[in-house]
């Protein structure tokens, strides 16, 4: 099953950009995923098991930064191929 995830990551410290960029870089190392970023969030597309496995691993690594908050929206569809409205 294909899935799409919209992720917002909020490291609650003054140096918040470094852990966000590191998280996105680690996600991009998962070659089975498509990762897109914009000014508001990061989207991840791929097979459900691949996406969830990668997210579990990378969110766990990101939690090494104290007081990190993630907000996820997950849908059981491949939204990267749906035209923009």
C-alpha atoms as a PDB file:
ATOM      1  CA  UNK A   1       0.000   0.000   0.000  1.00  0.00           C
ATOM      2  CA  UNK A   2       1.247   3.474  -0.858  1.00  0.00           C
ATOM      3  CA  UNK A   3       1.221   6.213   1.751  1.00  0.00           C
ATOM      4  CA  UNK A   4       1.922   9.927   2.009  1.00  0.00           C
ATOM      5  CA  UNK A   5       3.018  11.684   5.187  1.00  0.00           C
ATOM      6  CA  UNK A   6       3.142  15.406   5.895  1.00  0.00           C
ATOM      7  CA  UNK A   7       5.627  16.164   8.695  1.00  0.00           C
ATOM      8  CA  UNK A   8       6.216  19.283  10.755  1.00  0.00           C
ATOM      9  CA  UNK A   9       9.214  19.115  13.103  1.00  0.00           C
ATOM     10  CA  UNK A  10       9.736  21.623  15.899  1.00  0.00           C
ATOM     11  CA  UNK A  11      12.949  21.318  17.921  1.00  0.00           C
ATOM     12  CA  UNK A  12      12.200  23.601  20.866  1.00  0.00           C
ATOM     13  CA  UNK A  13      15.527  25.391  21.142  1.00  0.00           C
ATOM     14  CA  UNK A  14      17.255  28.433  19.695  1.00  0.00           C
ATOM     15  CA  UNK A  15      19.343  26.401  17.241  1.00  0.00           C
ATOM     16  CA  UNK A  16      16.310  24.750  15.627  1.00  0.00           C
ATOM     17  CA  UNK A  17      17.475  24.818  11.989  1.00  0.00           C
ATOM     18  CA  UNK A  18      20.376  22.385  12.476  1.00  0.00           C
ATOM     19  CA  UNK A  19      18.290  19.408  13.685  1.00  0.00           C
ATOM     20  CA  UNK A  20      15.586  20.067  11.050  1.00  0.00           C
ATOM     21  CA  UNK A  21      18.136  20.018   8.226  1.00  0.00           C
ATOM     22  CA  UNK A  22      19.771  16.886   9.683  1.00  0.00           C
ATOM     23  CA  UNK A  23      16.380  15.126   9.888  1.00  0.00           C
ATOM     24  CA  UNK A  24      15.564  15.936   6.260  1.00  0.00           C
ATOM     25  CA  UNK A  25      19.033  14.846   5.130  1.00  0.00           C
ATOM     26  CA  UNK A  26      18.628  11.492   6.897  1.00  0.00           C
ATOM     27  CA  UNK A  27      15.193  10.999   5.302  1.00  0.00           C
ATOM     28  CA  UNK A  28      16.728  11.624   1.876  1.00  0.00           C
ATOM     29  CA  UNK A  29      19.181   8.763   2.511  1.00  0.00           C
ATOM     30  CA  UNK A  30      16.259   6.304   2.311  1.00  0.00           C
ATOM     31  CA  UNK A  31      16.353   5.629  -1.441  1.00  0.00           C
ATOM     32  CA  UNK A  32      12.942   3.913  -1.522  1.00  0.00           C
ATOM     33  CA  UNK A  33      11.238   7.145  -0.413  1.00  0.00           C
ATOM     34  CA  UNK A  34      10.393  10.365  -2.216  1.00  0.00           C
ATOM     35  CA  UNK A  35      11.011  13.351   0.062  1.00  0.00           C
ATOM     36  CA  UNK A  36       9.826  16.872  -0.738  1.00  0.00           C
ATOM     37  CA  UNK A  37      10.279  19.932   1.418  1.00  0.00           C
ATOM     38  CA  UNK A  38       8.767  23.395   1.449  1.00  0.00           C
ATOM     39  CA  UNK A  39       8.659  26.305   3.882  1.00  0.00           C
ATOM     40  CA  UNK A  40       5.901  24.718   5.972  1.00  0.00           C
ATOM     41  CA  UNK A  41       6.619  20.987   6.117  1.00  0.00           C
ATOM     42  CA  UNK A  42       8.254  17.918   4.633  1.00  0.00           C
ATOM     43  CA  UNK A  43       6.312  15.328   2.661  1.00  0.00           C
ATOM     44  CA  UNK A  44       7.356  11.691   2.415  1.00  0.00           C
ATOM     45  CA  UNK A  45       5.910   9.279  -0.154  1.00  0.00           C
ATOM     46  CA  UNK A  46       6.396   5.558  -0.642  1.00  0.00           C
ATOM     47  CA  UNK A  47       5.380   2.073   0.403  1.00  0.00           C
ATOM     48  CA  UNK A  48       3.704   2.146   3.827  1.00  0.00           C
ATOM     49  CA  UNK A  49       6.168  -0.234   5.492  1.00  0.00           C
ATOM     50  CA  UNK A  50       9.199   1.602   4.075  1.00  0.00           C
ATOM     51  CA  UNK A  51       7.865   5.016   5.094  1.00  0.00           C
ATOM     52  CA  UNK A  52       6.890   3.995   8.615  1.00  0.00           C
ATOM     53  CA  UNK A  53      10.162   2.145   9.204  1.00  0.00           C
ATOM     54  CA  UNK A  54      12.198   5.154   8.053  1.00  0.00           C
ATOM     55  CA  UNK A  55      10.113   7.573  10.111  1.00  0.00           C
ATOM     56  CA  UNK A  56      10.428   5.446  13.253  1.00  0.00           C
ATOM     57  CA  UNK A  57      14.187   5.357  12.856  1.00  0.00           C
ATOM     58  CA  UNK A  58      14.671   9.031  11.997  1.00  0.00           C
ATOM     59  CA  UNK A  59      12.218  10.385  14.565  1.00  0.00           C
ATOM     60  CA  UNK A  60      13.964   8.300  17.224  1.00  0.00           C
ATOM     61  CA  UNK A  61      17.306   9.827  16.164  1.00  0.00           C
ATOM     62  CA  UNK A  62      15.759  13.323  16.202  1.00  0.00           C
ATOM     63  CA  UNK A  63      14.505  12.765  19.742  1.00  0.00           C
ATOM     64  CA  UNK A  64      18.134  12.942  20.849  1.00  0.00           C
ATOM     65  CA  UNK A  65      17.502  16.708  20.770  1.00  0.00           C
ATOM     66  CA  UNK A  66      15.577  17.473  23.969  1.00  0.00           C
ATOM     67  CA  UNK A  67      12.013  18.725  23.620  1.00  0.00           C
ATOM     68  CA  UNK A  68      11.433  17.859  19.973  1.00  0.00           C
ATOM     69  CA  UNK A  69       7.865  17.947  18.666  1.00  0.00           C
ATOM     70  CA  UNK A  70       6.611  16.160  15.529  1.00  0.00           C
ATOM     71  CA  UNK A  71       3.218  16.614  13.913  1.00  0.00           C
ATOM     72  CA  UNK A  72       2.330  14.000  11.273  1.00  0.00           C
ATOM     73  CA  UNK A  73      -0.561  13.689   8.846  1.00  0.00           C
ATOM     74  CA  UNK A  74      -0.725  10.254   7.217  1.00  0.00           C
ATOM     75  CA  UNK A  75      -2.942   9.146   4.332  1.00  0.00           C
ATOM     76  CA  UNK A  76      -3.194   5.756   2.653  1.00  0.00           C
ATOM     77  CA  UNK A  77      -2.691   7.155  -0.848  1.00  0.00           C
ATOM     78  CA  UNK A  78       0.138   8.378  -3.047  1.00  0.00           C
ATOM     79  CA  UNK A  79      -0.540  12.110  -3.132  1.00  0.00           C
ATOM     80  CA  UNK A  80       2.630  13.053  -5.010  1.00  0.00           C
ATOM     81  CA  UNK A  81       0.948  12.155  -8.296  1.00  0.00           C
ATOM     82  CA  UNK A  82      -2.258  14.125  -7.684  1.00  0.00           C
ATOM     83  CA  UNK A  83      -2.242  17.431  -9.567  1.00  0.00           C
ATOM     84  CA  UNK A  84      -2.220  20.614  -7.498  1.00  0.00           C
ATOM     85  CA  UNK A  85      -5.507  22.495  -7.282  1.00  0.00           C
END
